mmCIF file of all heavy atoms, coordinates in Angstrom:
data_MODEL
# 
_entry.id   MODEL 
# 
loop_
_atom_site.group_PDB 
_atom_site.id 
_atom_site.type_symbol 
_atom_site.label_atom_id 
_atom_site.label_alt_id 
_atom_site.label_comp_id 
_atom_site.label_asym_id 
_atom_site.label_entity_id 
_atom_site.label_seq_id 
_atom_site.pdbx_PDB_ins_code 
_atom_site.Cartn_x 
_atom_site.Cartn_y 
_atom_site.Cartn_z 
_atom_site.occupancy 
_atom_site.B_iso_or_equiv 
_atom_site.pdbx_formal_charge 
_atom_site.auth_seq_id 
_atom_site.auth_comp_id 
_atom_site.auth_asym_id 
_atom_site.auth_atom_id 
_atom_site.pdbx_PDB_model_num 
ATOM 1   N N   . ASP A 1 1  ? 0.800   -1.208 -0.004  1.00 0.00 ? 1  ASP A N   1 
ATOM 2   C CA  . ASP A 1 1  ? 0.059   0.030  -0.011  1.00 0.00 ? 1  ASP A CA  1 
ATOM 3   C C   . ASP A 1 1  ? 0.851   1.272  0.016   1.00 0.00 ? 1  ASP A C   1 
ATOM 4   O O   . ASP A 1 1  ? 0.348   2.404  -0.152  1.00 0.00 ? 1  ASP A O   1 
ATOM 5   C CB  . ASP A 1 1  ? -0.886  0.003  1.221   1.00 0.00 ? 1  ASP A CB  1 
ATOM 6   C CG  . ASP A 1 1  ? -1.798  1.147  1.336   1.00 0.00 ? 1  ASP A CG  1 
ATOM 7   O OD1 . ASP A 1 1  ? -2.550  1.430  0.396   1.00 0.00 ? 1  ASP A OD1 1 
ATOM 8   O OD2 . ASP A 1 1  ? -1.761  1.916  2.379   1.00 0.00 ? 1  ASP A OD2 1 
ATOM 9   N N   . VAL A 1 2  ? 2.199   1.146  0.106   1.00 0.00 ? 2  VAL A N   1 
ATOM 10  C CA  . VAL A 1 2  ? 3.036   2.252  0.277   1.00 0.00 ? 2  VAL A CA  1 
ATOM 11  C C   . VAL A 1 2  ? 3.712   2.548  -1.102  1.00 0.00 ? 2  VAL A C   1 
ATOM 12  O O   . VAL A 1 2  ? 4.320   1.650  -1.678  1.00 0.00 ? 2  VAL A O   1 
ATOM 13  C CB  . VAL A 1 2  ? 4.140   2.034  1.324   1.00 0.00 ? 2  VAL A CB  1 
ATOM 14  C CG1 . VAL A 1 2  ? 5.104   3.165  1.395   1.00 0.00 ? 2  VAL A CG1 1 
ATOM 15  C CG2 . VAL A 1 2  ? 3.456   1.777  2.722   1.00 0.00 ? 2  VAL A CG2 1 
ATOM 16  N N   . LEU A 1 3  ? 3.518   3.824  -1.565  1.00 0.00 ? 3  LEU A N   1 
ATOM 17  C CA  . LEU A 1 3  ? 4.221   4.212  -2.730  1.00 0.00 ? 3  LEU A CA  1 
ATOM 18  C C   . LEU A 1 3  ? 5.604   4.805  -2.478  1.00 0.00 ? 3  LEU A C   1 
ATOM 19  O O   . LEU A 1 3  ? 6.486   4.733  -3.327  1.00 0.00 ? 3  LEU A O   1 
ATOM 20  C CB  . LEU A 1 3  ? 3.418   5.325  -3.439  1.00 0.00 ? 3  LEU A CB  1 
ATOM 21  C CG  . LEU A 1 3  ? 1.960   4.930  -3.839  1.00 0.00 ? 3  LEU A CG  1 
ATOM 22  C CD1 . LEU A 1 3  ? 1.255   6.102  -4.501  1.00 0.00 ? 3  LEU A CD1 1 
ATOM 23  C CD2 . LEU A 1 3  ? 1.978   3.745  -4.691  1.00 0.00 ? 3  LEU A CD2 1 
ATOM 24  N N   . LEU A 1 4  ? 5.846   5.431  -1.347  1.00 0.00 ? 4  LEU A N   1 
ATOM 25  C CA  . LEU A 1 4  ? 7.101   5.995  -0.984  1.00 0.00 ? 4  LEU A CA  1 
ATOM 26  C C   . LEU A 1 4  ? 7.338   5.974  0.493   1.00 0.00 ? 4  LEU A C   1 
ATOM 27  O O   . LEU A 1 4  ? 6.482   6.341  1.293   1.00 0.00 ? 4  LEU A O   1 
ATOM 28  C CB  . LEU A 1 4  ? 7.146   7.466  -1.411  1.00 0.00 ? 4  LEU A CB  1 
ATOM 29  C CG  . LEU A 1 4  ? 8.318   8.334  -0.940  1.00 0.00 ? 4  LEU A CG  1 
ATOM 30  C CD1 . LEU A 1 4  ? 9.652   7.936  -1.662  1.00 0.00 ? 4  LEU A CD1 1 
ATOM 31  C CD2 . LEU A 1 4  ? 8.040   9.846  -1.278  1.00 0.00 ? 4  LEU A CD2 1 
ATOM 32  N N   . TYR A 1 5  ? 8.464   5.446  0.913   1.00 0.00 ? 5  TYR A N   1 
ATOM 33  C CA  . TYR A 1 5  ? 8.946   5.498  2.293   1.00 0.00 ? 5  TYR A CA  1 
ATOM 34  C C   . TYR A 1 5  ? 9.965   6.669  2.421   1.00 0.00 ? 5  TYR A C   1 
ATOM 35  O O   . TYR A 1 5  ? 10.840  6.886  1.545   1.00 0.00 ? 5  TYR A O   1 
ATOM 36  C CB  . TYR A 1 5  ? 9.684   4.258  2.766   1.00 0.00 ? 5  TYR A CB  1 
ATOM 37  C CG  . TYR A 1 5  ? 8.795   3.047  2.916   1.00 0.00 ? 5  TYR A CG  1 
ATOM 38  C CD1 . TYR A 1 5  ? 8.816   2.002  2.027   1.00 0.00 ? 5  TYR A CD1 1 
ATOM 39  C CD2 . TYR A 1 5  ? 8.034   2.905  4.043   1.00 0.00 ? 5  TYR A CD2 1 
ATOM 40  C CE1 . TYR A 1 5  ? 8.034   0.854  2.216   1.00 0.00 ? 5  TYR A CE1 1 
ATOM 41  C CE2 . TYR A 1 5  ? 7.246   1.763  4.255   1.00 0.00 ? 5  TYR A CE2 1 
ATOM 42  C CZ  . TYR A 1 5  ? 7.252   0.735  3.312   1.00 0.00 ? 5  TYR A CZ  1 
ATOM 43  O OH  . TYR A 1 5  ? 6.496   -0.336 3.509   1.00 0.00 ? 5  TYR A OH  1 
ATOM 44  N N   . ALA A 1 6  ? 9.884   7.429  3.465   1.00 0.00 ? 6  ALA A N   1 
ATOM 45  C CA  . ALA A 1 6  ? 10.891  8.469  3.737   1.00 0.00 ? 6  ALA A CA  1 
ATOM 46  C C   . ALA A 1 6  ? 12.212  7.708  3.996   1.00 0.00 ? 6  ALA A C   1 
ATOM 47  O O   . ALA A 1 6  ? 12.296  6.772  4.776   1.00 0.00 ? 6  ALA A O   1 
ATOM 48  C CB  . ALA A 1 6  ? 10.477  9.286  4.935   1.00 0.00 ? 6  ALA A CB  1 
ATOM 49  N N   . GLY A 1 7  ? 13.294  8.139  3.315   1.00 0.00 ? 7  GLY A N   1 
ATOM 50  C CA  . GLY A 1 7  ? 14.556  7.523  3.437   1.00 0.00 ? 7  GLY A CA  1 
ATOM 51  C C   . GLY A 1 7  ? 14.753  6.323  2.543   1.00 0.00 ? 7  GLY A C   1 
ATOM 52  O O   . GLY A 1 7  ? 15.752  5.569  2.690   1.00 0.00 ? 7  GLY A O   1 
ATOM 53  N N   . ALA A 1 8  ? 13.862  6.079  1.571   1.00 0.00 ? 8  ALA A N   1 
ATOM 54  C CA  . ALA A 1 8  ? 13.980  4.931  0.665   1.00 0.00 ? 8  ALA A CA  1 
ATOM 55  C C   . ALA A 1 8  ? 15.069  5.165  -0.312  1.00 0.00 ? 8  ALA A C   1 
ATOM 56  O O   . ALA A 1 8  ? 15.377  6.351  -0.627  1.00 0.00 ? 8  ALA A O   1 
ATOM 57  C CB  . ALA A 1 8  ? 12.631  4.645  0.034   1.00 0.00 ? 8  ALA A CB  1 
ATOM 58  N N   . GLY A 1 9  ? 15.643  4.065  -0.971  1.00 0.00 ? 9  GLY A N   1 
ATOM 59  C CA  . GLY A 1 9  ? 16.795  4.276  -1.745  1.00 0.00 ? 9  GLY A CA  1 
ATOM 60  C C   . GLY A 1 9  ? 16.477  4.376  -3.228  1.00 0.00 ? 9  GLY A C   1 
ATOM 61  O O   . GLY A 1 9  ? 17.321  4.751  -4.035  1.00 0.00 ? 9  GLY A O   1 
ATOM 62  N N   . GLY A 1 10 ? 15.207  4.052  -3.616  1.00 0.00 ? 10 GLY A N   1 
ATOM 63  C CA  . GLY A 1 10 ? 14.952  4.049  -5.057  1.00 0.00 ? 10 GLY A CA  1 
ATOM 64  C C   . GLY A 1 10 ? 14.704  5.482  -5.648  1.00 0.00 ? 10 GLY A C   1 
ATOM 65  O O   . GLY A 1 10 ? 14.406  6.398  -4.888  1.00 0.00 ? 10 GLY A O   1 
ATOM 66  N N   . VAL A 1 11 ? 14.807  5.610  -6.982  1.00 0.00 ? 11 VAL A N   1 
ATOM 67  C CA  . VAL A 1 11 ? 14.508  6.803  -7.630  1.00 0.00 ? 11 VAL A CA  1 
ATOM 68  C C   . VAL A 1 11 ? 12.977  6.964  -7.530  1.00 0.00 ? 11 VAL A C   1 
ATOM 69  O O   . VAL A 1 11 ? 12.188  6.115  -7.898  1.00 0.00 ? 11 VAL A O   1 
ATOM 70  C CB  . VAL A 1 11 ? 14.853  6.774  -9.173  1.00 0.00 ? 11 VAL A CB  1 
ATOM 71  C CG1 . VAL A 1 11 ? 14.412  8.027  -9.862  1.00 0.00 ? 11 VAL A CG1 1 
ATOM 72  C CG2 . VAL A 1 11 ? 16.425  6.611  -9.277  1.00 0.00 ? 11 VAL A CG2 1 
ATOM 73  N N   . PRO A 1 12 ? 12.506  8.118  -6.949  1.00 0.00 ? 12 PRO A N   1 
ATOM 74  C CA  . PRO A 1 12 ? 11.082  8.232  -6.748  1.00 0.00 ? 12 PRO A CA  1 
ATOM 75  C C   . PRO A 1 12 ? 10.222  8.315  -7.966  1.00 0.00 ? 12 PRO A C   1 
ATOM 76  O O   . PRO A 1 12 ? 10.622  9.010  -8.966  1.00 0.00 ? 12 PRO A O   1 
ATOM 77  C CB  . PRO A 1 12 ? 10.950  9.562  -5.921  1.00 0.00 ? 12 PRO A CB  1 
ATOM 78  C CG  . PRO A 1 12 ? 12.237  10.330 -6.278  1.00 0.00 ? 12 PRO A CG  1 
ATOM 79  C CD  . PRO A 1 12 ? 13.233  9.296  -6.539  1.00 0.00 ? 12 PRO A CD  1 
ATOM 80  N N   . ALA A 1 13 ? 9.091   7.559  -7.987  1.00 0.00 ? 13 ALA A N   1 
ATOM 81  C CA  . ALA A 1 13 ? 8.134   7.693  -9.073  1.00 0.00 ? 13 ALA A CA  1 
ATOM 82  C C   . ALA A 1 13 ? 7.153   8.761  -8.679  1.00 0.00 ? 13 ALA A C   1 
ATOM 83  O O   . ALA A 1 13 ? 6.667   8.808  -7.615  1.00 0.00 ? 13 ALA A O   1 
ATOM 84  C CB  . ALA A 1 13 ? 7.406   6.345  -9.306  1.00 0.00 ? 13 ALA A CB  1 
ATOM 85  N N   . TYR A 1 14 ? 6.818   9.650  -9.646  1.00 0.00 ? 14 TYR A N   1 
ATOM 86  C CA  . TYR A 1 14 ? 5.927   10.777 -9.292  1.00 0.00 ? 14 TYR A CA  1 
ATOM 87  C C   . TYR A 1 14 ? 5.030   11.046 -10.448 1.00 0.00 ? 14 TYR A C   1 
ATOM 88  O O   . TYR A 1 14 ? 5.439   11.017 -11.625 1.00 0.00 ? 14 TYR A O   1 
ATOM 89  C CB  . TYR A 1 14 ? 6.805   11.997 -8.980  1.00 0.00 ? 14 TYR A CB  1 
ATOM 90  C CG  . TYR A 1 14 ? 5.952   13.265 -8.545  1.00 0.00 ? 14 TYR A CG  1 
ATOM 91  C CD1 . TYR A 1 14 ? 5.607   13.374 -7.227  1.00 0.00 ? 14 TYR A CD1 1 
ATOM 92  C CD2 . TYR A 1 14 ? 5.587   14.123 -9.488  1.00 0.00 ? 14 TYR A CD2 1 
ATOM 93  C CE1 . TYR A 1 14 ? 4.888   14.463 -6.849  1.00 0.00 ? 14 TYR A CE1 1 
ATOM 94  C CE2 . TYR A 1 14 ? 4.834   15.254 -9.086  1.00 0.00 ? 14 TYR A CE2 1 
ATOM 95  C CZ  . TYR A 1 14 ? 4.476   15.395 -7.730  1.00 0.00 ? 14 TYR A CZ  1 
ATOM 96  O OH  . TYR A 1 14 ? 3.740   16.495 -7.325  1.00 0.00 ? 14 TYR A OH  1 
ATOM 97  N N   . GLY A 1 15 ? 3.757   11.392 -10.166 1.00 0.00 ? 15 GLY A N   1 
ATOM 98  C CA  . GLY A 1 15 ? 2.895   12.015 -11.171 1.00 0.00 ? 15 GLY A CA  1 
ATOM 99  C C   . GLY A 1 15 ? 1.872   11.054 -11.768 1.00 0.00 ? 15 GLY A C   1 
ATOM 100 O O   . GLY A 1 15 ? 0.909   11.559 -12.283 1.00 0.00 ? 15 GLY A O   1 
ATOM 101 N N   . LYS A 1 16 ? 2.073   9.749  -11.605 1.00 0.00 ? 16 LYS A N   1 
ATOM 102 C CA  . LYS A 1 16 ? 0.986   8.855  -12.180 1.00 0.00 ? 16 LYS A CA  1 
ATOM 103 C C   . LYS A 1 16 ? 1.112   7.477  -11.479 1.00 0.00 ? 16 LYS A C   1 
ATOM 104 O O   . LYS A 1 16 ? 2.169   6.827  -11.518 1.00 0.00 ? 16 LYS A O   1 
ATOM 105 C CB  . LYS A 1 16 ? 1.218   8.689  -13.689 1.00 0.00 ? 16 LYS A CB  1 
ATOM 106 C CG  . LYS A 1 16 ? 0.059   7.944  -14.398 1.00 0.00 ? 16 LYS A CG  1 
ATOM 107 C CD  . LYS A 1 16 ? 0.247   7.859  -15.867 1.00 0.00 ? 16 LYS A CD  1 
ATOM 108 C CE  . LYS A 1 16 ? -1.023  7.259  -16.534 1.00 0.00 ? 16 LYS A CE  1 
ATOM 109 N NZ  . LYS A 1 16 ? -0.885  7.041  -18.009 1.00 0.00 ? 16 LYS A NZ  1 
ATOM 110 N N   . HIS A 1 17 ? 0.044   7.147  -10.819 1.00 0.00 ? 17 HIS A N   1 
ATOM 111 C CA  . HIS A 1 17 ? -0.067  5.819  -10.195 1.00 0.00 ? 17 HIS A CA  1 
ATOM 112 C C   . HIS A 1 17 ? -1.434  5.202  -10.411 1.00 0.00 ? 17 HIS A C   1 
ATOM 113 O O   . HIS A 1 17 ? -2.082  4.702  -9.523  1.00 0.00 ? 17 HIS A O   1 
ATOM 114 C CB  . HIS A 1 17 ? 0.208   5.886  -8.670  1.00 0.00 ? 17 HIS A CB  1 
ATOM 115 C CG  . HIS A 1 17 ? 1.585   6.173  -8.320  1.00 0.00 ? 17 HIS A CG  1 
ATOM 116 N ND1 . HIS A 1 17 ? 2.095   7.378  -8.048  1.00 0.00 ? 17 HIS A ND1 1 
ATOM 117 C CD2 . HIS A 1 17 ? 2.637   5.333  -8.200  1.00 0.00 ? 17 HIS A CD2 1 
ATOM 118 C CE1 . HIS A 1 17 ? 3.427   7.306  -7.782  1.00 0.00 ? 17 HIS A CE1 1 
ATOM 119 N NE2 . HIS A 1 17 ? 3.770   6.053  -7.888  1.00 0.00 ? 17 HIS A NE2 1 
ATOM 120 N N   . GLU A 1 18 ? -1.964  5.445  -11.606 1.00 0.00 ? 18 GLU A N   1 
ATOM 121 C CA  . GLU A 1 18 ? -3.322  5.061  -11.876 1.00 0.00 ? 18 GLU A CA  1 
ATOM 122 C C   . GLU A 1 18 ? -3.597  4.923  -13.354 1.00 0.00 ? 18 GLU A C   1 
ATOM 123 O O   . GLU A 1 18 ? -2.816  5.386  -14.181 1.00 0.00 ? 18 GLU A O   1 
ATOM 124 C CB  . GLU A 1 18 ? -4.319  6.049  -11.287 1.00 0.00 ? 18 GLU A CB  1 
ATOM 125 C CG  . GLU A 1 18 ? -4.233  7.425  -11.915 1.00 0.00 ? 18 GLU A CG  1 
ATOM 126 C CD  . GLU A 1 18 ? -5.016  8.490  -11.116 1.00 0.00 ? 18 GLU A CD  1 
ATOM 127 O OE1 . GLU A 1 18 ? -4.569  8.822  -9.996  1.00 0.00 ? 18 GLU A OE1 1 
ATOM 128 O OE2 . GLU A 1 18 ? -5.993  8.996  -11.686 1.00 0.00 ? 18 GLU A OE2 1 
ATOM 129 N N   . LEU A 1 19 ? -4.746  4.358  -13.692 1.00 0.00 ? 19 LEU A N   1 
ATOM 130 C CA  . LEU A 1 19 ? -5.273  4.218  -15.038 1.00 0.00 ? 19 LEU A CA  1 
ATOM 131 C C   . LEU A 1 19 ? -6.671  4.776  -15.068 1.00 0.00 ? 19 LEU A C   1 
ATOM 132 O O   . LEU A 1 19 ? -7.355  4.804  -13.989 1.00 0.00 ? 19 LEU A O   1 
ATOM 133 C CB  . LEU A 1 19 ? -5.406  2.740  -15.490 1.00 0.00 ? 19 LEU A CB  1 
ATOM 134 C CG  . LEU A 1 19 ? -4.059  1.996  -15.749 1.00 0.00 ? 19 LEU A CG  1 
ATOM 135 C CD1 . LEU A 1 19 ? -4.393  0.567  -15.802 1.00 0.00 ? 19 LEU A CD1 1 
ATOM 136 C CD2 . LEU A 1 19 ? -3.435  2.458  -17.036 1.00 0.00 ? 19 LEU A CD2 1 
ATOM 137 N N   . VAL A 1 20 ? -7.195  5.196  -16.171 1.00 0.00 ? 20 VAL A N   1 
ATOM 138 C CA  . VAL A 1 20 ? -8.566  5.474  -16.364 1.00 0.00 ? 20 VAL A CA  1 
ATOM 139 C C   . VAL A 1 20 ? -9.099  4.615  -17.485 1.00 0.00 ? 20 VAL A C   1 
ATOM 140 O O   . VAL A 1 20 ? -8.379  4.307  -18.440 1.00 0.00 ? 20 VAL A O   1 
ATOM 141 C CB  . VAL A 1 20 ? -8.942  7.026  -16.674 1.00 0.00 ? 20 VAL A CB  1 
ATOM 142 C CG1 . VAL A 1 20 ? -8.599  7.842  -15.472 1.00 0.00 ? 20 VAL A CG1 1 
ATOM 143 C CG2 . VAL A 1 20 ? -8.187  7.465  -17.864 1.00 0.00 ? 20 VAL A CG2 1 
ATOM 144 N N   . THR A 1 21 ? -10.328 4.126  -17.316 1.00 0.00 ? 21 THR A N   1 
ATOM 145 C CA  . THR A 1 21 ? -10.966 3.345  -18.344 1.00 0.00 ? 21 THR A CA  1 
ATOM 146 C C   . THR A 1 21 ? -12.311 3.938  -18.675 1.00 0.00 ? 21 THR A C   1 
ATOM 147 O O   . THR A 1 21 ? -12.972 4.540  -17.864 1.00 0.00 ? 21 THR A O   1 
ATOM 148 C CB  . THR A 1 21 ? -11.154 1.841  -17.857 1.00 0.00 ? 21 THR A CB  1 
ATOM 149 O OG1 . THR A 1 21 ? -11.978 1.869  -16.665 1.00 0.00 ? 21 THR A OG1 1 
ATOM 150 C CG2 . THR A 1 21 ? -9.874  1.221  -17.673 1.00 0.00 ? 21 THR A CG2 1 
ATOM 151 N N   . PHE A 1 22 ? -12.713 3.804  -19.955 1.00 0.00 ? 22 PHE A N   1 
ATOM 152 C CA  . PHE A 1 22 ? -14.043 4.216  -20.487 1.00 0.00 ? 22 PHE A CA  1 
ATOM 153 C C   . PHE A 1 22 ? -14.754 3.049  -20.896 1.00 0.00 ? 22 PHE A C   1 
ATOM 154 O O   . PHE A 1 22 ? -14.409 2.276  -21.805 1.00 0.00 ? 22 PHE A O   1 
ATOM 155 C CB  . PHE A 1 22 ? -13.825 5.217  -21.652 1.00 0.00 ? 22 PHE A CB  1 
ATOM 156 C CG  . PHE A 1 22 ? -13.145 6.527  -21.327 1.00 0.00 ? 22 PHE A CG  1 
ATOM 157 C CD1 . PHE A 1 22 ? -11.802 6.500  -20.957 1.00 0.00 ? 22 PHE A CD1 1 
ATOM 158 C CD2 . PHE A 1 22 ? -13.801 7.691  -21.493 1.00 0.00 ? 22 PHE A CD2 1 
ATOM 159 C CE1 . PHE A 1 22 ? -11.151 7.640  -20.625 1.00 0.00 ? 22 PHE A CE1 1 
ATOM 160 C CE2 . PHE A 1 22 ? -13.142 8.910  -21.226 1.00 0.00 ? 22 PHE A CE2 1 
ATOM 161 C CZ  . PHE A 1 22 ? -11.839 8.896  -20.732 1.00 0.00 ? 22 PHE A CZ  1 
ATOM 162 N N   . ASP A 1 23 ? -15.920 2.676  -20.213 1.00 0.00 ? 23 ASP A N   1 
ATOM 163 C CA  . ASP A 1 23 ? -16.610 1.431  -20.579 1.00 0.00 ? 23 ASP A CA  1 
ATOM 164 C C   . ASP A 1 23 ? -17.705 1.664  -21.539 1.00 0.00 ? 23 ASP A C   1 
ATOM 165 O O   . ASP A 1 23 ? -17.967 2.824  -22.097 1.00 0.00 ? 23 ASP A O   1 
ATOM 166 C CB  . ASP A 1 23 ? -17.133 0.746  -19.283 1.00 0.00 ? 23 ASP A CB  1 
ATOM 167 C CG  . ASP A 1 23 ? -18.205 1.483  -18.633 1.00 0.00 ? 23 ASP A CG  1 
ATOM 168 O OD1 . ASP A 1 23 ? -18.790 2.442  -19.212 1.00 0.00 ? 23 ASP A OD1 1 
ATOM 169 O OD2 . ASP A 1 23 ? -18.495 1.160  -17.495 1.00 0.00 ? 23 ASP A OD2 1 
ATOM 170 N N   . ASP A 1 24 ? -18.431 0.596  -21.927 1.00 0.00 ? 24 ASP A N   1 
ATOM 171 C CA  . ASP A 1 24 ? -19.439 0.719  -22.938 1.00 0.00 ? 24 ASP A CA  1 
ATOM 172 C C   . ASP A 1 24 ? -20.724 1.402  -22.461 1.00 0.00 ? 24 ASP A C   1 
ATOM 173 O O   . ASP A 1 24 ? -21.672 1.628  -23.272 1.00 0.00 ? 24 ASP A O   1 
ATOM 174 C CB  . ASP A 1 24 ? -19.768 -0.699 -23.517 1.00 0.00 ? 24 ASP A CB  1 
ATOM 175 C CG  . ASP A 1 24 ? -20.022 -1.689 -22.438 1.00 0.00 ? 24 ASP A CG  1 
ATOM 176 O OD1 . ASP A 1 24 ? -20.234 -1.296 -21.264 1.00 0.00 ? 24 ASP A OD1 1 
ATOM 177 O OD2 . ASP A 1 24 ? -20.043 -2.902 -22.787 1.00 0.00 ? 24 ASP A OD2 1 
ATOM 178 N N   . ALA A 1 25 ? -20.770 1.759  -21.178 1.00 0.00 ? 25 ALA A N   1 
ATOM 179 C CA  . ALA A 1 25 ? -21.946 2.520  -20.642 1.00 0.00 ? 25 ALA A CA  1 
ATOM 180 C C   . ALA A 1 25 ? -21.509 3.962  -20.514 1.00 0.00 ? 25 ALA A C   1 
ATOM 181 O O   . ALA A 1 25 ? -22.186 4.784  -19.819 1.00 0.00 ? 25 ALA A O   1 
ATOM 182 C CB  . ALA A 1 25 ? -22.381 1.931  -19.302 1.00 0.00 ? 25 ALA A CB  1 
# 
């Protein structure tokens, strides 16, 4: 459930963590 920990070592991902879908309704 965690996208970012303070003090984490990875290059931070920012700006998009989702999709949008358009259904037939």
